[in-house]
C-alpha cells in the first residue's frame, strides 16, 4: 500500500528539482566566482570550492577563501530535536554548502542531528558551530584576566563537546557566540584558546556572532585582525537587537553602514547576516508582525519584484554589504523561497 505522506514527499521533491532545473536554464544565478572586489578578495590564494551548483550564487568569505553559498542553512533551531533533518538533502541538491549550527546546551541536539549528513558529505560542505564564553560582564565593562582565562577554558570545553556531538575531529569554523562586549573580542587569552585549538587540528577559522552592540563588536574585530568571520544581527533598516527583539535604538539603516562593512571585508572578515527577517515575523515567532516595516528603504525595482517581504529583505542585505545570509528554514516552502531570494538578489539592483 502506498503511503500518502511518501507520495506527497516525492511530489514536493519533484517540484523542488523542477525549480532548480528551471533556474539553471534561465541562468538566474551568477557564476560561482562572482564576488565583491575588496583587498581581502584579490589575494592569489587558492579558492575552496564545495558543492557548487548553477542554481545558487556564491561569495568568498574573506580570508578563508571558501566560496560559500549565499544562503547558509541555519541548523540550530531547525535541527533541534531532529525536526527539519528531512530538509538537509534538499539544501545540498540546491547547492547550499554552508551549514551553521551551535552548542548542545542551547540548540538541544542540533549538532548530533547534523552529524550523519556531515559525515556523508564532509568534503563537499563547510560546517561552523559556536558557543558562548559564559562570562557575566556588561557591554561597557572590561574583562579581567581571571575572567578571560575562565572564558577561554569554557570555550575550549564547548568546542571539544561540539566535536564529539558532530562525530568529527575537525570543524571548519568555531565562533564566540552572542558576544556584546568589545573587551571579550580583544582578549589575548581567548584568542590563544583558538590558536591552540587550531594548532591541534580541531578548527580552521575563528569567528564571532553578535546581535547586540554589534557595531562596536565589529569595530573591535577589525582592530584586532584576528577574526575570519563575523555573523551579525542585521536587517535592511539597520542593526537588530536580539535582547529587545527590535531594531537597535538609534540604528542607521543598512545603506548607511556600508563604510563599516567594507572596512570589515577589507580586513579579511567574511560577513554573515542573521536575524534579518525576525522583525517581520509574527509575534508568536518573536517578531513584530509588520511585514511592510522595511519598505521605506527599498527602491522601486525591489518593491515591484515578485518576492514576498521575507525574500525582499534577504535580497536587499545580500546586495548591501553582506557576503551571505544565515536563514532558519524549517519547512520546504521557506527553503524554496530563500533559495530564490539568494539566487536572484543581484537582478533587482543596478
C-alpha atoms as a PDB file:
ATOM      1  CA  UNK A   1       0.000   0.000   0.000  1.00  0.00           C
ATOM      2  CA  UNK A   2       1.389   3.409  -0.970  1.00  0.00           C
ATOM      3  CA  UNK A   3       1.965   5.821   1.877  1.00  0.00           C
ATOM      4  CA  UNK A   4       0.273   9.163   1.138  1.00  0.00           C
ATOM      5  CA  UNK A   5       2.933  11.004   3.099  1.00  0.00           C
ATOM      6  CA  UNK A   6       5.674   9.407   0.972  1.00  0.00           C
ATOM      7  CA  UNK A   7       3.763  10.346  -2.192  1.00  0.00           C
ATOM      8  CA  UNK A   8       3.483  13.933  -1.019  1.00  0.00           C
ATOM      9  CA  UNK A   9       7.191  13.998  -0.217  1.00  0.00           C
ATOM     10  CA  UNK A  10       8.044  12.658  -3.682  1.00  0.00           C
ATOM     11  CA  UNK A  11       5.831  15.240  -5.382  1.00  0.00           C
ATOM     12  CA  UNK A  12       7.392  18.033  -3.367  1.00  0.00           C
ATOM     13  CA  UNK A  13      10.843  16.775  -4.262  1.00  0.00           C
ATOM     14  CA  UNK A  14       9.973  16.655  -7.976  1.00  0.00           C
ATOM     15  CA  UNK A  15       8.634  20.202  -7.728  1.00  0.00           C
ATOM     16  CA  UNK A  16      11.821  21.261  -5.993  1.00  0.00           C
ATOM     17  CA  UNK A  17      14.062  19.682  -8.627  1.00  0.00           C
ATOM     18  CA  UNK A  18      11.956  21.271 -11.374  1.00  0.00           C
ATOM     19  CA  UNK A  19      12.515  24.662  -9.747  1.00  0.00           C
ATOM     20  CA  UNK A  20      16.261  24.097  -9.666  1.00  0.00           C
ATOM     21  CA  UNK A  21      16.362  22.948 -13.274  1.00  0.00           C
ATOM     22  CA  UNK A  22      14.378  25.980 -14.413  1.00  0.00           C
ATOM     23  CA  UNK A  23      16.713  28.260 -12.502  1.00  0.00           C
ATOM     24  CA  UNK A  24      19.752  26.710 -14.153  1.00  0.00           C
ATOM     25  CA  UNK A  25      18.272  27.032 -17.641  1.00  0.00           C
ATOM     26  CA  UNK A  26      17.275  30.660 -17.073  1.00  0.00           C
ATOM     27  CA  UNK A  27      20.750  31.461 -15.884  1.00  0.00           C
ATOM     28  CA  UNK A  28      19.429  33.406 -12.937  1.00  0.00           C
ATOM     29  CA  UNK A  29      22.455  32.558 -10.805  1.00  0.00           C
ATOM     30  CA  UNK A  30      25.746  34.378 -11.073  1.00  0.00           C
ATOM     31  CA  UNK A  31      28.891  32.426 -11.934  1.00  0.00           C
ATOM     32  CA  UNK A  32      30.293  30.738  -8.867  1.00  0.00           C
ATOM     33  CA  UNK A  33      33.283  33.054  -8.828  1.00  0.00           C
ATOM     34  CA  UNK A  34      31.339  36.321  -8.688  1.00  0.00           C
ATOM     35  CA  UNK A  35      32.196  38.335  -5.572  1.00  0.00           C
ATOM     36  CA  UNK A  36      32.972  41.763  -4.148  1.00  0.00           C
ATOM     37  CA  UNK A  37      36.328  43.157  -5.253  1.00  0.00           C
ATOM     38  CA  UNK A  38      37.987  44.033  -1.975  1.00  0.00           C
ATOM     39  CA  UNK A  39      41.592  43.908  -0.850  1.00  0.00           C
ATOM     40  CA  UNK A  40      40.993  40.658   1.015  1.00  0.00           C
ATOM     41  CA  UNK A  41      39.405  39.054  -2.026  1.00  0.00           C
ATOM     42  CA  UNK A  42      42.098  39.830  -4.563  1.00  0.00           C
ATOM     43  CA  UNK A  43      44.752  37.661  -2.921  1.00  0.00           C
ATOM     44  CA  UNK A  44      46.059  34.920  -5.200  1.00  0.00           C
ATOM     45  CA  UNK A  45      45.343  32.171  -2.661  1.00  0.00           C
ATOM     46  CA  UNK A  46      43.576  29.078  -3.918  1.00  0.00           C
ATOM     47  CA  UNK A  47      39.817  29.214  -3.545  1.00  0.00           C
ATOM     48  CA  UNK A  48      37.910  26.463  -1.749  1.00  0.00           C
ATOM     49  CA  UNK A  49      35.028  25.156  -3.871  1.00  0.00           C
ATOM     50  CA  UNK A  50      32.422  22.780  -2.439  1.00  0.00           C
ATOM     51  CA  UNK A  51      29.106  21.559  -3.861  1.00  0.00           C
ATOM     52  CA  UNK A  52      28.663  24.485  -6.234  1.00  0.00           C
ATOM     53  CA  UNK A  53      25.547  24.293  -8.407  1.00  0.00           C
ATOM     54  CA  UNK A  54      24.251  26.664 -11.115  1.00  0.00           C
ATOM     55  CA  UNK A  55      21.103  27.262  -9.079  1.00  0.00           C
ATOM     56  CA  UNK A  56      22.913  29.060  -6.260  1.00  0.00           C
ATOM     57  CA  UNK A  57      25.170  32.105  -6.041  1.00  0.00           C
ATOM     58  CA  UNK A  58      28.474  32.063  -4.165  1.00  0.00           C
ATOM     59  CA  UNK A  59      30.719  34.572  -2.450  1.00  0.00           C
ATOM     60  CA  UNK A  60      34.207  34.260  -0.998  1.00  0.00           C
ATOM     61  CA  UNK A  61      34.195  34.553   2.787  1.00  0.00           C
ATOM     62  CA  UNK A  62      37.077  36.897   3.471  1.00  0.00           C
ATOM     63  CA  UNK A  63      40.470  35.401   4.101  1.00  0.00           C
ATOM     64  CA  UNK A  64      39.058  31.879   4.435  1.00  0.00           C
ATOM     65  CA  UNK A  65      38.969  31.659   0.607  1.00  0.00           C
ATOM     66  CA  UNK A  66      35.880  29.480   0.966  1.00  0.00           C
ATOM     67  CA  UNK A  67      33.299  30.101  -1.751  1.00  0.00           C
ATOM     68  CA  UNK A  68      30.158  29.979   0.371  1.00  0.00           C
ATOM     69  CA  UNK A  69      26.629  29.619  -0.904  1.00  0.00           C
ATOM     70  CA  UNK A  70      24.997  32.985  -0.331  1.00  0.00           C
ATOM     71  CA  UNK A  71      22.264  31.170   1.551  1.00  0.00           C
ATOM     72  CA  UNK A  72      23.518  29.500   4.727  1.00  0.00           C
ATOM     73  CA  UNK A  73      21.389  26.774   6.269  1.00  0.00           C
ATOM     74  CA  UNK A  74      20.849  27.711   9.918  1.00  0.00           C
ATOM     75  CA  UNK A  75      20.797  24.352  11.654  1.00  0.00           C
ATOM     76  CA  UNK A  76      20.350  25.494  15.251  1.00  0.00           C
ATOM     77  CA  UNK A  77      16.593  25.740  15.720  1.00  0.00           C
ATOM     78  CA  UNK A  78      15.826  23.804  12.537  1.00  0.00           C
ATOM     79  CA  UNK A  79      17.581  20.621  13.652  1.00  0.00           C
ATOM     80  CA  UNK A  80      16.843  20.840  17.381  1.00  0.00           C
ATOM     81  CA  UNK A  81      15.270  17.528  18.268  1.00  0.00           C
ATOM     82  CA  UNK A  82      15.736  16.378  14.658  1.00  0.00           C
ATOM     83  CA  UNK A  83      12.799  18.467  13.411  1.00  0.00           C
ATOM     84  CA  UNK A  84      13.996  19.505   9.951  1.00  0.00           C
ATOM     85  CA  UNK A  85      16.584  16.833   9.169  1.00  0.00           C
ATOM     86  CA  UNK A  86      14.461  15.954   6.132  1.00  0.00           C
ATOM     87  CA  UNK A  87      15.489  19.262   4.535  1.00  0.00           C
ATOM     88  CA  UNK A  88      19.224  18.581   4.561  1.00  0.00           C
ATOM     89  CA  UNK A  89      19.361  16.557   1.341  1.00  0.00           C
ATOM     90  CA  UNK A  90      17.334  19.218  -0.448  1.00  0.00           C
ATOM     91  CA  UNK A  91      19.636  22.004   0.665  1.00  0.00           C
ATOM     92  CA  UNK A  92      22.548  20.028  -0.726  1.00  0.00           C
ATOM     93  CA  UNK A  93      20.774  19.438  -4.047  1.00  0.00           C
ATOM     94  CA  UNK A  94      20.155  23.179  -4.302  1.00  0.00           C
ATOM     95  CA  UNK A  95      23.866  23.938  -3.976  1.00  0.00           C
ATOM     96  CA  UNK A  96      23.936  25.077  -0.365  1.00  0.00           C
ATOM     97  CA  UNK A  97      27.370  24.233   1.007  1.00  0.00           C
ATOM     98  CA  UNK A  98      27.479  26.189   4.287  1.00  0.00           C
ATOM     99  CA  UNK A  99      25.834  24.840   7.452  1.00  0.00           C
ATOM    100  CA  UNK A 100      25.756  26.784  10.717  1.00  0.00           C
ATOM    101  CA  UNK A 101      24.965  25.013  13.968  1.00  0.00           C
ATOM    102  CA  UNK A 102      25.629  25.571  17.681  1.00  0.00           C
ATOM    103  CA  UNK A 103      26.430  24.045  21.052  1.00  0.00           C
ATOM    104  CA  UNK A 104      24.141  21.493  22.629  1.00  0.00           C
ATOM    105  CA  UNK A 105      23.033  23.309  25.792  1.00  0.00           C
ATOM    106  CA  UNK A 106      21.211  25.902  23.715  1.00  0.00           C
ATOM    107  CA  UNK A 107      20.371  24.135  20.462  1.00  0.00           C
ATOM    108  CA  UNK A 108      19.289  20.852  22.036  1.00  0.00           C
ATOM    109  CA  UNK A 109      20.784  18.171  19.827  1.00  0.00           C
ATOM    110  CA  UNK A 110      21.262  20.098  16.588  1.00  0.00           C
ATOM    111  CA  UNK A 111      24.900  19.094  16.262  1.00  0.00           C
ATOM    112  CA  UNK A 112      24.009  15.426  16.744  1.00  0.00           C
ATOM    113  CA  UNK A 113      21.214  15.761  14.181  1.00  0.00           C
ATOM    114  CA  UNK A 114      23.649  17.223  11.653  1.00  0.00           C
ATOM    115  CA  UNK A 115      26.373  14.623  12.256  1.00  0.00           C
ATOM    116  CA  UNK A 116      25.221  11.870   9.822  1.00  0.00           C
ATOM    117  CA  UNK A 117      24.703  14.362   6.986  1.00  0.00           C
ATOM    118  CA  UNK A 118      28.040  15.983   7.722  1.00  0.00           C
ATOM    119  CA  UNK A 119      29.793  12.625   7.661  1.00  0.00           C
ATOM    120  CA  UNK A 120      28.197  11.703   4.321  1.00  0.00           C
ATOM    121  CA  UNK A 121      29.238  14.991   2.661  1.00  0.00           C
ATOM    122  CA  UNK A 122      32.285  16.027   4.669  1.00  0.00           C
ATOM    123  CA  UNK A 123      34.469  17.084   1.737  1.00  0.00           C
ATOM    124  CA  UNK A 124      31.626  18.930  -0.016  1.00  0.00           C
ATOM    125  CA  UNK A 125      30.307  21.184   2.743  1.00  0.00           C
ATOM    126  CA  UNK A 126      31.523  23.792   5.220  1.00  0.00           C
ATOM    127  CA  UNK A 127      30.360  23.445   8.823  1.00  0.00           C
ATOM    128  CA  UNK A 128      30.580  26.111  11.514  1.00  0.00           C
ATOM    129  CA  UNK A 129      29.484  25.812  15.122  1.00  0.00           C
ATOM    130  CA  UNK A 130      29.630  28.132  18.100  1.00  0.00           C
ATOM    131  CA  UNK A 131      29.418  28.506  21.859  1.00  0.00           C
ATOM    132  CA  UNK A 132      29.221  31.430  24.294  1.00  0.00           C
ATOM    133  CA  UNK A 133      32.004  32.439  26.663  1.00  0.00           C
ATOM    134  CA  UNK A 134      29.596  32.301  29.637  1.00  0.00           C
ATOM    135  CA  UNK A 135      31.178  35.255  31.429  1.00  0.00           C
ATOM    136  CA  UNK A 136      28.874  37.626  33.291  1.00  0.00           C
ATOM    137  CA  UNK A 137      30.053  41.008  32.110  1.00  0.00           C
ATOM    138  CA  UNK A 138      28.121  44.065  30.937  1.00  0.00           C
ATOM    139  CA  UNK A 139      28.760  45.503  27.453  1.00  0.00           C
ATOM    140  CA  UNK A 140      30.545  48.566  28.854  1.00  0.00           C
ATOM    141  CA  UNK A 141      32.759  46.707  31.364  1.00  0.00           C
ATOM    142  CA  UNK A 142      36.273  45.374  30.794  1.00  0.00           C
ATOM    143  CA  UNK A 143      37.062  41.722  31.223  1.00  0.00           C
ATOM    144  CA  UNK A 144      39.608  40.819  33.894  1.00  0.00           C
ATOM    145  CA  UNK A 145      42.475  38.412  33.305  1.00  0.00           C
ATOM    146  CA  UNK A 146      40.840  35.877  35.603  1.00  0.00           C
ATOM    147  CA  UNK A 147      37.542  36.121  33.730  1.00  0.00           C
ATOM    148  CA  UNK A 148      39.334  35.792  30.393  1.00  0.00           C
ATOM    149  CA  UNK A 149      41.123  32.622  31.465  1.00  0.00           C
ATOM    150  CA  UNK A 150      37.842  31.136  32.672  1.00  0.00           C
ATOM    151  CA  UNK A 151      36.102  32.126  29.427  1.00  0.00           C
ATOM    152  CA  UNK A 152      38.879  30.569  27.348  1.00  0.00           C
ATOM    153  CA  UNK A 153      38.581  27.270  29.232  1.00  0.00           C
ATOM    154  CA  UNK A 154      34.798  27.219  28.839  1.00  0.00           C
ATOM    155  CA  UNK A 155      35.012  27.955  25.102  1.00  0.00           C
ATOM    156  CA  UNK A 156      37.612  25.200  24.632  1.00  0.00           C
ATOM    157  CA  UNK A 157      35.482  22.741  26.563  1.00  0.00           C
ATOM    158  CA  UNK A 158      32.451  23.610  24.438  1.00  0.00           C
ATOM    159  CA  UNK A 159      34.469  23.190  21.239  1.00  0.00           C
ATOM    160  CA  UNK A 160      35.557  19.727  22.330  1.00  0.00           C
ATOM    161  CA  UNK A 161      31.971  18.850  23.181  1.00  0.00           C
ATOM    162  CA  UNK A 162      30.788  20.079  19.783  1.00  0.00           C
ATOM    163  CA  UNK A 163      33.340  17.894  18.017  1.00  0.00           C
ATOM    164  CA  UNK A 164      32.021  14.879  19.913  1.00  0.00           C
ATOM    165  CA  UNK A 165      28.420  15.738  19.038  1.00  0.00           C
ATOM    166  CA  UNK A 166      29.310  16.275  15.372  1.00  0.00           C
ATOM    167  CA  UNK A 167      31.254  12.990  15.373  1.00  0.00           C
ATOM    168  CA  UNK A 168      34.302  14.644  13.860  1.00  0.00           C
ATOM    169  CA  UNK A 169      37.803  15.678  14.832  1.00  0.00           C
ATOM    170  CA  UNK A 170      37.671  18.953  12.898  1.00  0.00           C
ATOM    171  CA  UNK A 171      35.190  21.751  12.238  1.00  0.00           C
ATOM    172  CA  UNK A 172      35.741  24.436   9.603  1.00  0.00           C
ATOM    173  CA  UNK A 173      34.967  27.337  11.918  1.00  0.00           C
ATOM    174  CA  UNK A 174      34.019  27.856  15.547  1.00  0.00           C
ATOM    175  CA  UNK A 175      32.596  31.140  16.850  1.00  0.00           C
ATOM    176  CA  UNK A 176      32.373  33.120  20.033  1.00  0.00           C
ATOM    177  CA  UNK A 177      28.588  33.123  20.305  1.00  0.00           C
ATOM    178  CA  UNK A 178      26.408  36.116  21.162  1.00  0.00           C
ATOM    179  CA  UNK A 179      29.235  38.487  22.089  1.00  0.00           C
ATOM    180  CA  UNK A 180      28.216  42.012  23.162  1.00  0.00           C
ATOM    181  CA  UNK A 181      31.366  43.219  24.936  1.00  0.00           C
ATOM    182  CA  UNK A 182      34.344  44.545  22.925  1.00  0.00           C
ATOM    183  CA  UNK A 183      36.854  43.577  25.628  1.00  0.00           C
ATOM    184  CA  UNK A 184      35.978  39.919  25.002  1.00  0.00           C
ATOM    185  CA  UNK A 185      36.850  40.422  21.348  1.00  0.00           C
ATOM    186  CA  UNK A 186      40.213  41.960  22.324  1.00  0.00           C
ATOM    187  CA  UNK A 187      41.171  39.271  24.862  1.00  0.00           C
ATOM    188  CA  UNK A 188      44.519  37.649  24.106  1.00  0.00           C
ATOM    189  CA  UNK A 189      43.680  34.761  26.458  1.00  0.00           C
ATOM    190  CA  UNK A 190      40.589  33.894  24.438  1.00  0.00           C
ATOM    191  CA  UNK A 191      42.449  34.295  21.152  1.00  0.00           C
ATOM    192  CA  UNK A 192      45.147  31.935  22.438  1.00  0.00           C
ATOM    193  CA  UNK A 193      42.454  29.316  23.104  1.00  0.00           C
ATOM    194  CA  UNK A 194      41.539  29.464  19.421  1.00  0.00           C
ATOM    195  CA  UNK A 195      45.167  29.309  18.299  1.00  0.00           C
ATOM    196  CA  UNK A 196      45.760  26.246  20.486  1.00  0.00           C
ATOM    197  CA  UNK A 197      42.682  24.539  19.040  1.00  0.00           C
ATOM    198  CA  UNK A 198      43.791  25.373  15.516  1.00  0.00           C
ATOM    199  CA  UNK A 199      47.305  24.059  16.156  1.00  0.00           C
ATOM    200  CA  UNK A 200      45.739  20.838  17.450  1.00  0.00           C
ATOM    201  CA  UNK A 201      43.857  20.443  14.155  1.00  0.00           C
ATOM    202  CA  UNK A 202      40.426  20.899  15.721  1.00  0.00           C
ATOM    203  CA  UNK A 203      39.300  24.047  13.913  1.00  0.00           C
ATOM    204  CA  UNK A 204      40.255  26.003  10.815  1.00  0.00           C
ATOM    205  CA  UNK A 205      38.888  29.508  11.300  1.00  0.00           C
ATOM    206  CA  UNK A 206      37.718  31.800  14.073  1.00  0.00           C
ATOM    207  CA  UNK A 207      34.584  33.867  14.126  1.00  0.00           C
ATOM    208  CA  UNK A 208      32.113  35.719  16.278  1.00  0.00           C
ATOM    209  CA  UNK A 209      28.362  36.117  16.351  1.00  0.00           C
ATOM    210  CA  UNK A 210      26.663  39.180  17.752  1.00  0.00           C
ATOM    211  CA  UNK A 211      23.182  40.667  17.798  1.00  0.00           C
ATOM    212  CA  UNK A 212      23.659  43.304  20.487  1.00  0.00           C
ATOM    213  CA  UNK A 213      26.168  46.173  20.449  1.00  0.00           C
ATOM    214  CA  UNK A 214      27.130  44.822  17.030  1.00  0.00           C
ATOM    215  CA  UNK A 215      28.729  47.971  15.660  1.00  0.00           C
ATOM    216  CA  UNK A 216      31.276  48.203  18.480  1.00  0.00           C
ATOM    217  CA  UNK A 217      31.893  44.463  18.305  1.00  0.00           C
ATOM    218  CA  UNK A 218      32.645  44.617  14.591  1.00  0.00           C
ATOM    219  CA  UNK A 219      34.902  47.654  15.090  1.00  0.00           C
ATOM    220  CA  UNK A 220      36.875  45.725  17.725  1.00  0.00           C
ATOM    221  CA  UNK A 221      37.173  42.669  15.490  1.00  0.00           C
ATOM    222  CA  UNK A 222      38.557  44.795  12.659  1.00  0.00           C
ATOM    223  CA  UNK A 223      41.096  46.360  15.017  1.00  0.00           C
ATOM    224  CA  UNK A 224      42.466  43.011  16.245  1.00  0.00           C
ATOM    225  CA  UNK A 225      42.956  41.436  12.831  1.00  0.00           C
ATOM    226  CA  UNK A 226      42.247  38.055  14.448  1.00  0.00           C
ATOM    227  CA  UNK A 227      38.793  37.225  13.167  1.00  0.00           C
ATOM    228  CA  UNK A 228      37.999  35.420   9.928  1.00  0.00           C
ATOM    229  CA  UNK A 229      34.197  35.587  10.178  1.00  0.00           C
ATOM    230  CA  UNK A 230      31.548  37.779  11.769  1.00  0.00           C
ATOM    231  CA  UNK A 231      27.883  36.801  11.930  1.00  0.00           C
ATOM    232  CA  UNK A 232      25.883  39.910  12.745  1.00  0.00           C
ATOM    233  CA  UNK A 233      22.252  40.625  13.537  1.00  0.00           C
ATOM    234  CA  UNK A 234      21.237  42.982  10.764  1.00  0.00           C
ATOM    235  CA  UNK A 235      18.197  43.946   8.701  1.00  0.00           C
ATOM    236  CA  UNK A 236      17.568  46.372   5.819  1.00  0.00           C
ATOM    237  CA  UNK A 237      16.665  49.037   8.395  1.00  0.00           C
ATOM    238  CA  UNK A 238      19.862  48.516  10.413  1.00  0.00           C
ATOM    239  CA  UNK A 239      21.204  46.622  13.420  1.00  0.00           C
ATOM    240  CA  UNK A 240      18.905  44.067  15.053  1.00  0.00           C
ATOM    241  CA  UNK A 241      18.956  43.629  18.846  1.00  0.00           C
ATOM    242  CA  UNK A 242      18.036  40.121  19.976  1.00  0.00           C
ATOM    243  CA  UNK A 243      17.602  41.234  23.591  1.00  0.00           C
ATOM    244  CA  UNK A 244      14.774  43.636  22.768  1.00  0.00           C
ATOM    245  CA  UNK A 245      13.593  41.695  19.684  1.00  0.00           C
ATOM    246  CA  UNK A 246      13.620  45.033  17.904  1.00  0.00           C
ATOM    247  CA  UNK A 247      15.859  47.205  15.774  1.00  0.00           C
ATOM    248  CA  UNK A 248      18.676  48.626  17.880  1.00  0.00           C
ATOM    249  CA  UNK A 249      17.844  52.015  19.317  1.00  0.00           C
ATOM    250  CA  UNK A 250      19.067  54.800  17.062  1.00  0.00           C
ATOM    251  CA  UNK A 251      20.392  52.450  14.395  1.00  0.00           C
ATOM    252  CA  UNK A 252      21.147  53.930  10.985  1.00  0.00           C
ATOM    253  CA  UNK A 253      19.726  51.979   8.016  1.00  0.00           C
ATOM    254  CA  UNK A 254      21.884  49.325   6.378  1.00  0.00           C
ATOM    255  CA  UNK A 255      22.675  51.640   3.449  1.00  0.00           C
ATOM    256  CA  UNK A 256      24.478  53.984   5.865  1.00  0.00           C
ATOM    257  CA  UNK A 257      26.571  51.144   7.320  1.00  0.00           C
ATOM    258  CA  UNK A 258      28.368  50.406   4.050  1.00  0.00           C
ATOM    259  CA  UNK A 259      31.698  52.058   5.033  1.00  0.00           C
ATOM    260  CA  UNK A 260      31.967  49.932   8.182  1.00  0.00           C
ATOM    261  CA  UNK A 261      31.049  46.736   6.365  1.00  0.00           C
ATOM    262  CA  UNK A 262      33.590  47.478   3.649  1.00  0.00           C
ATOM    263  CA  UNK A 263      36.298  48.040   6.265  1.00  0.00           C
ATOM    264  CA  UNK A 264      35.478  44.641   7.713  1.00  0.00           C
ATOM    265  CA  UNK A 265      35.667  42.972   4.311  1.00  0.00           C
ATOM    266  CA  UNK A 266      38.910  44.783   3.519  1.00  0.00           C
ATOM    267  CA  UNK A 267      40.267  43.420   6.813  1.00  0.00           C
ATOM    268  CA  UNK A 268      39.583  39.905   5.549  1.00  0.00           C
ATOM    269  CA  UNK A 269      36.443  39.260   7.602  1.00  0.00           C
ATOM    270  CA  UNK A 270      33.689  37.283   5.908  1.00  0.00           C
ATOM    271  CA  UNK A 271      30.327  38.860   6.802  1.00  0.00           C
ATOM    272  CA  UNK A 272      27.282  36.720   7.530  1.00  0.00           C
ATOM    273  CA  UNK A 273      23.898  38.327   8.116  1.00  0.00           C
ATOM    274  CA  UNK A 274      21.479  36.802  10.616  1.00  0.00           C
ATOM    275  CA  UNK A 275      18.135  37.669  12.226  1.00  0.00           C
ATOM    276  CA  UNK A 276      17.422  39.559   9.002  1.00  0.00           C
ATOM    277  CA  UNK A 277      13.693  38.833   8.881  1.00  0.00           C
ATOM    278  CA  UNK A 278      12.969  38.222  12.549  1.00  0.00           C
ATOM    279  CA  UNK A 279      11.432  41.689  12.923  1.00  0.00           C
ATOM    280  CA  UNK A 280       8.942  40.849  10.160  1.00  0.00           C
ATOM    281  CA  UNK A 281       7.885  37.562  11.729  1.00  0.00           C
ATOM    282  CA  UNK A 282       4.601  37.177  13.644  1.00  0.00           C
ATOM    283  CA  UNK A 283       4.639  37.969  17.343  1.00  0.00           C
ATOM    284  CA  UNK A 284       4.241  34.267  18.049  1.00  0.00           C
ATOM    285  CA  UNK A 285       7.678  33.853  16.453  1.00  0.00           C
ATOM    286  CA  UNK A 286       9.202  36.704  18.486  1.00  0.00           C
ATOM    287  CA  UNK A 287       8.739  39.248  15.718  1.00  0.00           C
ATOM    288  CA  UNK A 288       6.757  42.457  15.370  1.00  0.00           C
ATOM    289  CA  UNK A 289       4.453  41.204  12.637  1.00  0.00           C
ATOM    290  CA  UNK A 290       4.826  44.286  10.453  1.00  0.00           C
ATOM    291  CA  UNK A 291       5.812  42.945   7.035  1.00  0.00           C
ATOM    292  CA  UNK A 292       5.975  46.417   5.473  1.00  0.00           C
ATOM    293  CA  UNK A 293       8.475  47.673   8.056  1.00  0.00           C
ATOM    294  CA  UNK A 294      11.424  47.816   5.633  1.00  0.00           C
ATOM    295  CA  UNK A 295       9.595  49.103   2.560  1.00  0.00           C
ATOM    296  CA  UNK A 296      10.788  52.659   3.113  1.00  0.00           C
ATOM    297  CA  UNK A 297      14.417  51.661   2.437  1.00  0.00           C
ATOM    298  CA  UNK A 298      13.705  49.750  -0.778  1.00  0.00           C
ATOM    299  CA  UNK A 299      13.933  51.108  -4.295  1.00  0.00           C
ATOM    300  CA  UNK A 300      11.048  50.821  -6.721  1.00  0.00           C
ATOM    301  CA  UNK A 301      12.610  47.907  -8.611  1.00  0.00           C
ATOM    302  CA  UNK A 302      12.871  45.762  -5.490  1.00  0.00           C
ATOM    303  CA  UNK A 303       9.395  46.736  -4.299  1.00  0.00           C
ATOM    304  CA  UNK A 304       7.985  45.653  -7.658  1.00  0.00           C
ATOM    305  CA  UNK A 305       9.885  42.353  -7.645  1.00  0.00           C
ATOM    306  CA  UNK A 306       7.881  39.105  -7.414  1.00  0.00           C
ATOM    307  CA  UNK A 307       9.118  38.473  -3.878  1.00  0.00           C
ATOM    308  CA  UNK A 308       7.401  38.273  -0.518  1.00  0.00           C
ATOM    309  CA  UNK A 309       8.570  40.567   2.348  1.00  0.00           C
ATOM    310  CA  UNK A 310      10.973  37.956   3.729  1.00  0.00           C
ATOM    311  CA  UNK A 311      12.593  37.275   0.355  1.00  0.00           C
ATOM    312  CA  UNK A 312      12.862  41.003  -0.275  1.00  0.00           C
ATOM    313  CA  UNK A 313      14.751  41.543   2.982  1.00  0.00           C
ATOM    314  CA  UNK A 314      17.215  38.748   2.205  1.00  0.00           C
ATOM    315  CA  UNK A 315      17.785  40.033  -1.333  1.00  0.00           C
ATOM    316  CA  UNK A 316      18.406  43.550  -0.030  1.00  0.00           C
ATOM    317  CA  UNK A 317      21.076  42.685   2.521  1.00  0.00           C
ATOM    318  CA  UNK A 318      22.863  40.379   0.081  1.00  0.00           C
ATOM    319  CA  UNK A 319      23.303  43.363  -2.220  1.00  0.00           C
ATOM    320  CA  UNK A 320      24.228  45.782   0.577  1.00  0.00           C
ATOM    321  CA  UNK A 321      27.446  44.592   2.129  1.00  0.00           C
ATOM    322  CA  UNK A 322      26.735  41.108   3.480  1.00  0.00           C
ATOM    323  CA  UNK A 323      28.568  38.228   1.852  1.00  0.00           C
ATOM    324  CA  UNK A 324      25.980  35.618   2.803  1.00  0.00           C
ATOM    325  CA  UNK A 325      22.873  35.302   4.949  1.00  0.00           C
ATOM    326  CA  UNK A 326      22.097  32.694   7.590  1.00  0.00           C
ATOM    327  CA  UNK A 327      18.438  31.653   7.473  1.00  0.00           C
ATOM    328  CA  UNK A 328      16.427  29.431   9.793  1.00  0.00           C
ATOM    329  CA  UNK A 329      14.389  27.219   7.453  1.00  0.00           C
ATOM    330  CA  UNK A 330      12.176  24.574   8.982  1.00  0.00           C
ATOM    331  CA  UNK A 331       9.963  23.602   6.070  1.00  0.00           C
ATOM    332  CA  UNK A 332      10.146  23.098   2.329  1.00  0.00           C
ATOM    333  CA  UNK A 333       8.282  26.311   1.495  1.00  0.00           C
ATOM    334  CA  UNK A 334      10.711  28.562   3.353  1.00  0.00           C
ATOM    335  CA  UNK A 335      13.693  26.736   1.872  1.00  0.00           C
ATOM    336  CA  UNK A 336      12.379  27.211  -1.665  1.00  0.00           C
ATOM    337  CA  UNK A 337      11.616  30.899  -1.085  1.00  0.00           C
ATOM    338  CA  UNK A 338      15.023  31.611   0.391  1.00  0.00           C
ATOM    339  CA  UNK A 339      16.839  29.819  -2.414  1.00  0.00           C
ATOM    340  CA  UNK A 340      15.047  32.039  -4.922  1.00  0.00           C
ATOM    341  CA  UNK A 341      15.927  35.183  -2.957  1.00  0.00           C
ATOM    342  CA  UNK A 342      19.618  34.259  -2.746  1.00  0.00           C
ATOM    343  CA  UNK A 343      19.863  33.179  -6.375  1.00  0.00           C
ATOM    344  CA  UNK A 344      18.142  36.240  -7.828  1.00  0.00           C
ATOM    345  CA  UNK A 345      19.099  39.090  -5.479  1.00  0.00           C
ATOM    346  CA  UNK A 346      21.525  40.609  -7.988  1.00  0.00           C
ATOM    347  CA  UNK A 347      18.791  41.043 -10.594  1.00  0.00           C
ATOM    348  CA  UNK A 348      16.924  43.674  -8.559  1.00  0.00           C
ATOM    349  CA  UNK A 349      19.772  46.185  -8.297  1.00  0.00           C
ATOM    350  CA  UNK A 350      21.642  48.110 -10.958  1.00  0.00           C
END
